[in-house]
Amino acid sequence: MTALVGGRYTVVREVARGGMCTVEAADHLHTGRRVALKRLAAEVDASLDRRLLLEAWALEQCRGPHVVEVLDAGIDGRAYVVLDLLEGKGLDALLTTRRRLPRDAALALFAQLCSALETVHAKGIVHRDIKPANLFVAHHGRGERLQLLDFGVARVPSAPEVRALTQVGERLGTLEYMAPEQVLAEAADASSDLYAAAVVLFECLAGEVPYKGGPRELLQALATRTAPPRLSTLAPGLPTALDDVMQRALAHDKAARFESAAALAAAVRGAMGGGATQTLSLLDAPRPTDAAYGRGHERAPYVTPVRVLVDGASFDGHAADISEGGLLVMLATPPPEGRPTEVRFCLPVSGRVVTTPAEVRWRKEARVQRAVGLRFTDLTDEVRADIRRFVSIAGSS
C-alpha cells in the first residue's frame, strides 16, 4: 500500500527538486484534489523543519490573488507544506524561449507582481528573492494570473532568527536581481523587493537585465554607482518617461526609490499613459506549428524534473511543456545535437518514470538557462496515451 504523507496525501510524481526541497504532486485521500507537496530533502538538517513551517505561516498571512495558496502544513517525520498545484509556466521559461515579452503582457505581469508585493509588505514580510524563477504564470479560469512563489528565504518579522532555506554560504537571493544593499550583505527591506521587481520588468521589456556579468562586474557597477541603461535605447518605442521611472526604481540608494509597490505600479502606469492593463495573455499566444520545432501536436504546460542522457553523460533540468511530439526542457547546460539521446521524466497522469528515445531539434540560450526542444522518436502506445490524456485536459491550444 502506498504510504500517506500526513495520513491524507498520496504522492503521484515529482514536480521539482532544488538543493534543499522537493515538490511533488499528490492527491488528497478524501477529496481527490491534486496538490503540490513541498518537503525538505532527506539529507537536509532537521533543524530546517521549523523554517519550512514558517514559510507556510508567511504564505497564510499573505493570502491574495497573486500569491500561491497554502492549503495545509504539518509534520510526518519531517515537515511538509501543501500548496495549490498550479498549471502554467514559470516566467524564467517564458523569457528563455522568447527573450522578451510583448509590451502589454510585460506591463500586466508587472502590475500583478506589484499587487502581490503590496499584500506581502502590508504584513511586514520581505520576500528577498524576487526573480523570474519565482514568478509563475498560471491558468486561472479562462484567463491567466501571476503567482508569487517560494517564501523560503523571506524575512518574517515574528521570527527573524530562523535560518533561511539555503545552503551554507549561499546568498539570500539571485545576484542579477539583488538590490545593492543585498549584494553588500546589508539588511534587505521592502524597497529591496521593489528593486528586484523593477529588474524583472526591465528584463521583460528589454530582453536583458540592467547589469550583466558576474559578481565582479556587478560590484564594479555598485562601486562606481553606474546608472542602469535607459530602457528606451534597448526597447525602441517605449516612452522616455518610463526611463525616468526605472532610473528611480533602480537607484543605488534605497531611500531614493519608490516608497511602496503601489507607488511604483502607479508611476509605471502613468509613464505608459495610464493605459496599462492587468489582463495577462502569455500561455495561449500564437505558436509556430512547424514540425521541426516539435509543434505539430497540441501541447500543454507541464513542469517535472527531466534528465537527458547522451553517450553516458546526463544533463538535468525540468520540462516546461509536453506534447505527443516532445518536450520543452530548461537546462543549465545543453546536450549536444546529432547524438543518440534518451530523456527520462515522469508521465503526467500515471506519475510513472519512463525513459524514451529523443532527439534535440532546437536550442535557445539565455543568461543562465538553455531552452531545448526535444522530439520523441519512439514512444510506446502506453506513454503516448498518458500524454494525450493529459494534454486533452490541460492543453491550452
Protein backbone atom coordinates (compact mmCIF):
# COMPACT_ATOMS: atom_id res chain seq x y z
CA MET A 1 0.00 0.00 0.00
CA THR A 2 1.28 3.48 -0.86
CA ALA A 3 2.34 5.44 2.23
CA LEU A 4 0.33 8.55 3.01
CA VAL A 5 2.02 11.82 3.96
CA GLY A 6 0.27 13.34 6.94
CA GLY A 7 -2.21 10.48 6.78
CA ARG A 8 -4.03 12.00 3.81
CA TYR A 9 -1.74 12.79 0.82
CA THR A 10 -0.68 10.18 -1.73
CA VAL A 11 2.39 11.19 -3.76
CA VAL A 12 1.86 10.86 -7.52
CA ARG A 13 5.04 12.27 -9.07
CA GLU A 14 7.88 14.69 -8.56
CA VAL A 15 7.35 18.24 -9.86
CA ALA A 16 10.59 20.00 -8.93
CA ARG A 17 13.77 19.44 -6.96
CA GLY A 18 16.12 22.06 -5.55
CA GLY A 19 19.14 21.96 -3.27
CA MET A 20 17.01 21.89 -0.12
CA CYS A 21 13.45 20.90 -1.04
CA THR A 22 11.41 18.71 -3.32
CA VAL A 23 7.94 19.48 -4.65
CA GLU A 24 5.65 16.59 -5.56
CA ALA A 25 2.16 16.32 -7.00
CA ALA A 26 -0.04 14.48 -4.52
CA ASP A 27 -3.72 13.53 -4.20
CA HIS A 28 -5.78 14.25 -1.09
CA LEU A 29 -7.12 10.95 0.22
CA HIS A 30 -10.68 12.09 0.88
CA THR A 31 -11.37 14.76 -1.76
CA GLY A 32 -9.14 13.57 -4.60
CA ARG A 33 -7.83 17.13 -5.07
CA ARG A 34 -4.34 17.18 -6.61
CA VAL A 35 -1.99 19.46 -4.70
CA ALA A 36 1.68 20.40 -4.52
CA LEU A 37 3.51 18.84 -1.59
CA LYS A 38 6.72 20.62 -0.55
CA ARG A 39 9.15 18.73 1.67
CA LEU A 40 12.75 19.08 2.75
CA ALA A 41 15.16 16.69 1.05
CA ALA A 42 16.03 13.69 3.22
CA GLU A 43 19.64 14.77 3.67
CA VAL A 44 18.77 18.29 4.89
CA ASP A 45 19.32 19.17 8.55
CA ALA A 46 16.16 18.57 10.59
CA SER A 47 16.61 21.98 12.21
CA LEU A 48 15.21 23.48 9.00
CA ASP A 49 11.81 21.88 9.56
CA ARG A 50 10.84 24.96 11.53
CA ARG A 51 11.79 27.21 8.62
CA LEU A 52 9.57 25.27 6.21
CA LEU A 53 6.63 25.60 8.59
CA LEU A 54 7.39 29.30 8.93
CA GLU A 55 7.14 29.58 5.14
CA ALA A 56 3.65 28.09 5.38
CA TRP A 57 2.74 30.62 8.07
CA ALA A 58 4.04 33.50 5.93
CA LEU A 59 2.03 32.32 2.92
CA GLU A 60 -1.11 32.17 5.05
CA GLN A 61 -0.55 35.78 6.15
CA CYS A 62 -0.10 36.85 2.53
CA ARG A 63 -3.24 35.32 1.03
CA GLY A 64 -4.19 37.15 -2.12
CA PRO A 65 -4.90 36.59 -5.81
CA HIS A 66 -1.23 36.77 -6.81
CA VAL A 67 0.43 34.71 -4.05
CA VAL A 68 0.40 30.92 -4.30
CA GLU A 69 -2.21 29.49 -1.94
CA VAL A 70 -1.12 27.40 1.05
CA LEU A 71 -3.63 24.65 1.89
CA ASP A 72 -2.10 22.71 4.76
CA ALA A 73 1.11 22.03 6.69
CA GLY A 74 2.29 19.56 9.26
CA ILE A 75 4.94 17.13 10.41
CA ASP A 76 5.10 13.49 9.37
CA GLY A 77 8.60 12.52 10.35
CA ARG A 78 9.68 15.75 8.62
CA ALA A 79 7.82 18.98 7.98
CA TYR A 80 5.69 19.36 4.87
CA VAL A 81 3.68 22.17 3.28
CA VAL A 82 0.72 21.69 0.92
CA LEU A 83 0.20 24.27 -1.82
CA ASP A 84 -2.15 24.83 -4.72
CA LEU A 85 -0.83 22.85 -7.70
CA LEU A 86 -0.52 25.40 -10.48
CA GLU A 87 -0.79 24.73 -14.20
CA GLY A 88 1.14 27.06 -16.46
CA LYS A 89 4.74 28.20 -16.99
CA GLY A 90 7.42 29.92 -14.99
CA LEU A 91 8.48 33.37 -16.14
CA ASP A 92 12.04 32.07 -16.42
CA ALA A 93 10.92 29.55 -19.06
CA LEU A 94 8.90 32.18 -20.92
CA LEU A 95 11.85 34.59 -21.02
CA THR A 96 14.32 31.90 -22.06
CA THR A 97 12.23 30.88 -25.06
CA ARG A 98 11.04 34.38 -26.02
CA ARG A 99 13.81 36.61 -24.59
CA ARG A 100 11.38 39.48 -24.08
CA LEU A 101 7.62 39.79 -23.69
CA PRO A 102 5.11 41.88 -25.62
CA ARG A 103 4.79 45.28 -24.01
CA ASP A 104 1.20 44.88 -22.79
CA ALA A 105 1.91 41.45 -21.34
CA ALA A 106 5.02 42.71 -19.53
CA LEU A 107 3.11 45.62 -18.03
CA ALA A 108 0.21 43.40 -16.97
CA LEU A 109 2.59 40.95 -15.35
CA PHE A 110 4.37 43.79 -13.53
CA ALA A 111 1.07 45.23 -12.26
CA GLN A 112 0.17 41.84 -10.80
CA LEU A 113 3.62 41.46 -9.26
CA CYS A 114 3.25 44.85 -7.56
CA SER A 115 -0.17 43.76 -6.30
CA ALA A 116 1.44 40.65 -4.77
CA LEU A 117 4.15 42.76 -3.13
CA GLU A 118 1.56 45.15 -1.69
CA THR A 119 -0.02 42.16 0.04
CA VAL A 120 3.32 40.79 1.27
CA HIS A 121 4.73 44.09 2.52
CA ALA A 122 1.48 45.01 4.30
CA LYS A 123 2.21 42.07 6.62
CA GLY A 124 5.75 43.27 7.31
CA ILE A 125 7.22 40.39 5.28
CA VAL A 126 10.09 40.83 2.80
CA HIS A 127 10.33 38.16 0.10
CA ARG A 128 14.06 38.74 -0.65
CA ASP A 129 14.14 36.56 -3.77
CA ILE A 130 12.01 38.18 -6.46
CA LYS A 131 13.16 36.74 -9.81
CA PRO A 132 11.61 35.05 -12.87
CA ALA A 133 12.11 31.56 -11.41
CA ASN A 134 9.79 32.51 -8.52
CA LEU A 135 7.10 34.04 -10.73
CA PHE A 136 4.62 31.64 -12.32
CA VAL A 137 2.02 32.43 -14.99
CA ALA A 138 -0.85 30.10 -14.16
CA HIS A 139 -4.09 29.23 -15.89
CA HIS A 140 -6.95 30.74 -13.89
CA GLY A 141 -10.46 30.07 -15.10
CA ARG A 142 -10.46 31.22 -18.70
CA GLY A 143 -7.60 33.61 -18.14
CA GLU A 144 -4.13 33.77 -16.63
CA ARG A 145 -2.80 35.03 -13.34
CA LEU A 146 0.68 35.70 -11.98
CA GLN A 147 1.55 33.79 -8.82
CA LEU A 148 4.43 34.67 -6.50
CA LEU A 149 6.18 31.52 -5.24
CA ASP A 150 8.78 30.37 -2.73
CA PHE A 151 8.99 32.26 0.55
CA GLY A 152 11.91 30.05 1.65
CA VAL A 153 14.26 32.98 2.25
CA ALA A 154 11.61 35.54 3.25
CA ARG A 155 12.22 37.76 6.26
CA VAL A 156 9.37 37.25 8.71
CA PRO A 157 9.33 39.86 11.49
CA SER A 158 7.92 37.47 14.11
CA ALA A 159 10.88 35.10 13.75
CA PRO A 160 13.95 36.95 12.43
CA GLU A 161 16.31 34.41 13.93
CA VAL A 162 15.03 31.43 11.95
CA ARG A 163 17.52 30.22 9.38
CA ALA A 164 16.50 30.55 5.73
CA LEU A 165 16.13 27.56 3.40
CA THR A 166 19.52 27.99 1.73
CA GLN A 167 22.72 26.01 1.61
CA VAL A 168 25.55 27.07 3.89
CA GLY A 169 27.30 30.04 2.26
CA GLU A 170 24.52 30.58 -0.29
CA ARG A 171 23.34 34.14 -0.90
CA LEU A 172 19.82 35.13 0.12
CA GLY A 173 18.70 35.87 -3.41
CA THR A 174 19.91 35.69 -7.00
CA LEU A 175 22.68 38.09 -7.95
CA GLU A 176 21.22 39.75 -11.07
CA TYR A 177 18.02 40.65 -9.22
CA MET A 178 19.50 41.59 -5.85
CA ALA A 179 19.39 45.20 -4.70
CA PRO A 180 22.76 46.83 -3.96
CA GLU A 181 22.25 46.52 -0.21
CA GLN A 182 21.71 42.77 -0.56
CA VAL A 183 24.83 42.36 -2.69
CA LEU A 184 26.76 44.18 0.04
CA ALA A 185 25.27 41.82 2.69
CA GLU A 186 23.26 44.61 4.30
CA ALA A 187 19.71 44.21 5.57
CA ALA A 188 17.01 43.90 2.92
CA ASP A 189 13.65 45.62 3.28
CA ALA A 190 10.57 46.21 1.15
CA SER A 191 12.48 48.55 -1.18
CA SER A 192 14.83 45.65 -1.97
CA ASP A 193 11.88 43.65 -3.29
CA LEU A 194 10.77 46.68 -5.35
CA TYR A 195 14.27 46.96 -6.85
CA ALA A 196 14.12 43.29 -7.87
CA ALA A 197 10.63 43.77 -9.33
CA ALA A 198 11.96 46.65 -11.44
CA VAL A 199 14.76 44.40 -12.71
CA VAL A 200 12.15 41.83 -13.73
CA LEU A 201 10.16 44.47 -15.66
CA PHE A 202 13.38 45.73 -17.29
CA GLU A 203 14.19 42.19 -18.46
CA CYS A 204 10.66 41.52 -19.72
CA LEU A 205 10.78 44.66 -21.88
CA ALA A 206 14.45 44.76 -22.91
CA GLY A 207 15.36 41.08 -23.04
CA GLU A 208 18.28 41.62 -20.67
CA VAL A 209 18.91 42.66 -17.07
CA PRO A 210 20.22 46.17 -16.25
CA TYR A 211 23.61 44.95 -15.03
CA LYS A 212 25.09 41.99 -16.87
CA GLY A 213 28.05 39.84 -15.95
CA GLY A 214 29.26 38.10 -12.82
CA PRO A 215 29.94 39.28 -9.26
CA ARG A 216 32.97 41.35 -10.31
CA GLU A 217 31.03 43.37 -12.89
CA LEU A 218 28.13 43.92 -10.52
CA LEU A 219 30.37 45.03 -7.67
CA GLN A 220 32.16 47.42 -10.01
CA ALA A 221 28.82 48.93 -11.05
CA LEU A 222 27.96 49.38 -7.39
CA ALA A 223 31.33 50.88 -6.50
CA THR A 224 31.12 53.40 -9.34
CA ARG A 225 27.36 53.91 -8.83
CA THR A 226 26.86 53.27 -12.53
CA ALA A 227 23.35 54.13 -13.68
CA PRO A 228 21.42 51.38 -15.49
CA PRO A 229 21.00 51.74 -19.27
CA ARG A 230 17.89 53.56 -20.44
CA LEU A 231 15.09 51.22 -21.44
CA SER A 232 14.12 53.29 -24.47
CA THR A 233 17.53 52.64 -26.03
CA LEU A 234 17.16 48.86 -25.65
CA ALA A 235 13.45 48.67 -26.48
CA PRO A 236 12.64 51.40 -29.01
CA GLY A 237 9.10 52.66 -28.82
CA LEU A 238 8.90 52.90 -25.06
CA PRO A 239 8.25 56.42 -23.74
CA THR A 240 11.21 58.25 -22.21
CA ALA A 241 9.04 58.89 -19.15
CA LEU A 242 9.44 55.20 -18.34
CA ASP A 243 13.23 55.68 -18.36
CA ASP A 244 12.88 58.16 -15.51
CA VAL A 245 10.69 55.79 -13.52
CA MET A 246 13.13 52.91 -13.95
CA GLN A 247 16.14 55.06 -13.03
CA ARG A 248 14.43 55.86 -9.72
CA ALA A 249 13.25 52.28 -9.14
CA LEU A 250 16.82 51.03 -9.70
CA ALA A 251 18.52 53.70 -7.60
CA HIS A 252 21.60 52.53 -5.69
CA ASP A 253 20.39 54.47 -2.64
CA LYS A 254 17.24 52.74 -1.42
CA ALA A 255 15.97 55.97 0.13
CA ALA A 256 15.67 57.37 -3.41
CA ARG A 257 13.41 54.54 -4.62
CA PHE A 258 9.62 54.42 -4.60
CA GLU A 259 8.07 54.18 -1.17
CA SER A 260 5.70 51.30 -1.95
CA ALA A 261 4.68 48.75 -4.56
CA ALA A 262 1.51 50.75 -5.20
CA ALA A 263 3.53 53.90 -5.86
CA LEU A 264 5.87 52.06 -8.23
CA ALA A 265 2.97 50.49 -10.13
CA ALA A 266 1.24 53.86 -10.41
CA ALA A 267 4.41 55.51 -11.72
CA VAL A 268 4.87 52.85 -14.40
CA ARG A 269 1.21 53.11 -15.36
CA GLY A 270 1.47 56.91 -15.58
CA ALA A 271 4.62 56.76 -17.68
CA MET A 272 2.80 54.49 -20.12
CA GLY A 273 -0.09 56.92 -20.43
CA GLY A 274 -2.35 55.19 -17.94
CA GLY A 275 -3.43 52.53 -20.42
CA ALA A 276 -1.68 49.50 -18.93
CA THR A 277 -3.98 46.52 -18.50
CA GLN A 278 -3.86 43.76 -15.89
CA THR A 279 -5.02 41.11 -18.37
CA LEU A 280 -2.30 38.52 -18.95
CA SER A 281 -2.12 36.54 -22.19
CA LEU A 282 1.13 34.59 -22.41
CA LEU A 283 0.23 30.90 -22.26
CA ASP A 284 -2.14 30.99 -25.22
CA ALA A 285 -0.03 33.17 -27.51
CA PRO A 286 0.15 32.08 -31.18
CA ARG A 287 2.76 29.35 -31.67
CA PRO A 288 4.54 28.03 -34.74
CA THR A 289 3.38 24.63 -35.95
CA ASP A 290 6.49 23.73 -37.92
CA ALA A 291 7.28 20.09 -37.15
CA ALA A 292 10.95 20.99 -36.88
CA TYR A 293 10.07 22.76 -33.65
CA GLY A 294 8.12 19.78 -32.32
CA ARG A 295 4.89 21.79 -32.56
CA GLY A 296 2.88 19.52 -34.85
CA HIS A 297 0.96 18.24 -31.80
CA GLU A 298 -1.21 20.02 -29.29
CA ARG A 299 0.82 20.72 -26.18
CA ALA A 300 0.23 21.76 -22.57
CA PRO A 301 2.34 23.40 -19.85
CA TYR A 302 3.89 20.67 -17.70
CA VAL A 303 6.59 21.01 -15.04
CA THR A 304 8.59 17.97 -13.99
CA PRO A 305 12.29 17.14 -13.49
CA VAL A 306 13.98 15.82 -16.62
CA ARG A 307 17.25 14.02 -17.25
CA VAL A 308 18.65 13.98 -20.78
CA LEU A 309 21.10 11.12 -21.42
CA VAL A 310 23.70 11.37 -24.19
CA ASP A 311 26.67 8.99 -24.55
CA GLY A 312 26.72 8.15 -20.85
CA ALA A 313 26.55 11.81 -19.78
CA SER A 314 23.46 13.26 -18.09
CA PHE A 315 22.01 16.77 -18.28
CA ASP A 316 19.48 17.64 -15.60
CA GLY A 317 16.73 20.23 -15.88
CA HIS A 318 12.95 20.49 -15.93
CA ALA A 319 10.21 20.36 -18.51
CA ALA A 320 8.11 23.44 -19.28
CA ASP A 321 5.59 21.84 -21.63
CA ILE A 322 4.79 18.49 -23.22
CA SER A 323 3.08 17.02 -26.28
CA GLU A 324 2.98 13.68 -28.03
CA GLY A 325 5.73 15.14 -30.20
CA GLY A 326 8.20 16.04 -27.49
CA LEU A 327 9.24 18.14 -24.51
CA LEU A 328 10.35 21.72 -24.00
CA VAL A 329 13.16 21.37 -21.46
CA MET A 330 15.02 24.03 -19.45
CA LEU A 331 18.67 23.15 -18.79
CA ALA A 332 21.73 24.91 -17.39
CA THR A 333 23.95 23.03 -19.87
CA PRO A 334 22.53 21.96 -23.24
CA PRO A 335 23.16 18.42 -24.55
CA PRO A 336 24.99 18.01 -27.87
CA GLU A 337 22.94 17.77 -31.04
CA GLY A 338 23.07 14.92 -33.55
CA ARG A 339 23.88 12.21 -30.98
CA PRO A 340 21.75 9.27 -29.77
CA THR A 341 19.68 10.74 -26.94
CA GLU A 342 17.26 9.49 -24.30
CA VAL A 343 15.06 11.52 -21.96
CA ARG A 344 13.84 10.38 -18.54
CA PHE A 345 10.82 12.04 -16.93
CA CYS A 346 7.59 11.41 -15.00
CA LEU A 347 4.43 10.83 -17.02
CA PRO A 348 1.84 13.50 -16.22
CA VAL A 349 -1.12 11.21 -15.49
CA SER A 350 0.29 7.99 -14.02
CA GLY A 351 3.39 9.56 -12.48
CA ARG A 352 5.44 6.63 -13.74
CA VAL A 353 9.09 7.38 -14.58
CA VAL A 354 9.90 6.50 -18.20
CA THR A 355 12.97 6.69 -20.41
CA THR A 356 12.37 7.13 -24.13
CA PRO A 357 14.49 7.89 -27.21
CA ALA A 358 14.52 11.51 -28.36
CA GLU A 359 16.49 13.98 -30.40
CA VAL A 360 17.47 17.62 -29.93
CA ARG A 361 15.63 19.68 -32.55
CA TRP A 362 16.44 23.25 -31.45
CA ARG A 363 18.08 25.27 -28.70
CA LYS A 364 17.70 28.81 -27.39
CA GLU A 365 20.07 30.38 -24.88
CA ALA A 366 19.54 32.97 -22.16
CA ARG A 367 21.96 34.12 -19.47
CA VAL A 368 21.81 31.12 -17.16
CA GLN A 369 19.42 28.70 -18.85
CA ARG A 370 19.01 26.93 -22.16
CA ALA A 371 15.67 26.04 -23.68
CA VAL A 372 15.89 22.79 -25.63
CA GLY A 373 13.23 21.32 -27.88
CA LEU A 374 13.30 17.52 -27.68
CA ARG A 375 11.38 15.41 -30.20
CA PHE A 376 10.31 11.93 -29.15
CA THR A 377 11.46 9.39 -31.72
CA ASP A 378 9.90 6.13 -30.47
CA LEU A 379 7.07 6.48 -27.94
CA THR A 380 5.29 3.37 -26.74
CA ASP A 381 1.50 3.33 -27.05
CA GLU A 382 1.16 3.47 -23.25
CA VAL A 383 3.34 6.57 -22.93
CA ARG A 384 1.63 8.26 -25.87
CA ALA A 385 -1.80 7.59 -24.37
CA ASP A 386 -0.76 9.04 -20.99
CA ILE A 387 0.50 12.25 -22.62
CA ARG A 388 -2.53 12.50 -24.91
CA ARG A 389 -4.91 12.22 -21.96
CA PHE A 390 -3.08 14.94 -20.03
CA VAL A 391 -2.92 17.33 -22.97
CA SER A 392 -6.58 16.83 -23.80
CA ILE A 393 -7.44 18.03 -20.27
CA ALA A 394 -4.74 20.66 -19.67
CA GLY A 395 -3.89 21.75 -23.22
CA SER A 396 -4.10 25.44 -23.96
CA SER A 397 -4.34 25.41 -27.73
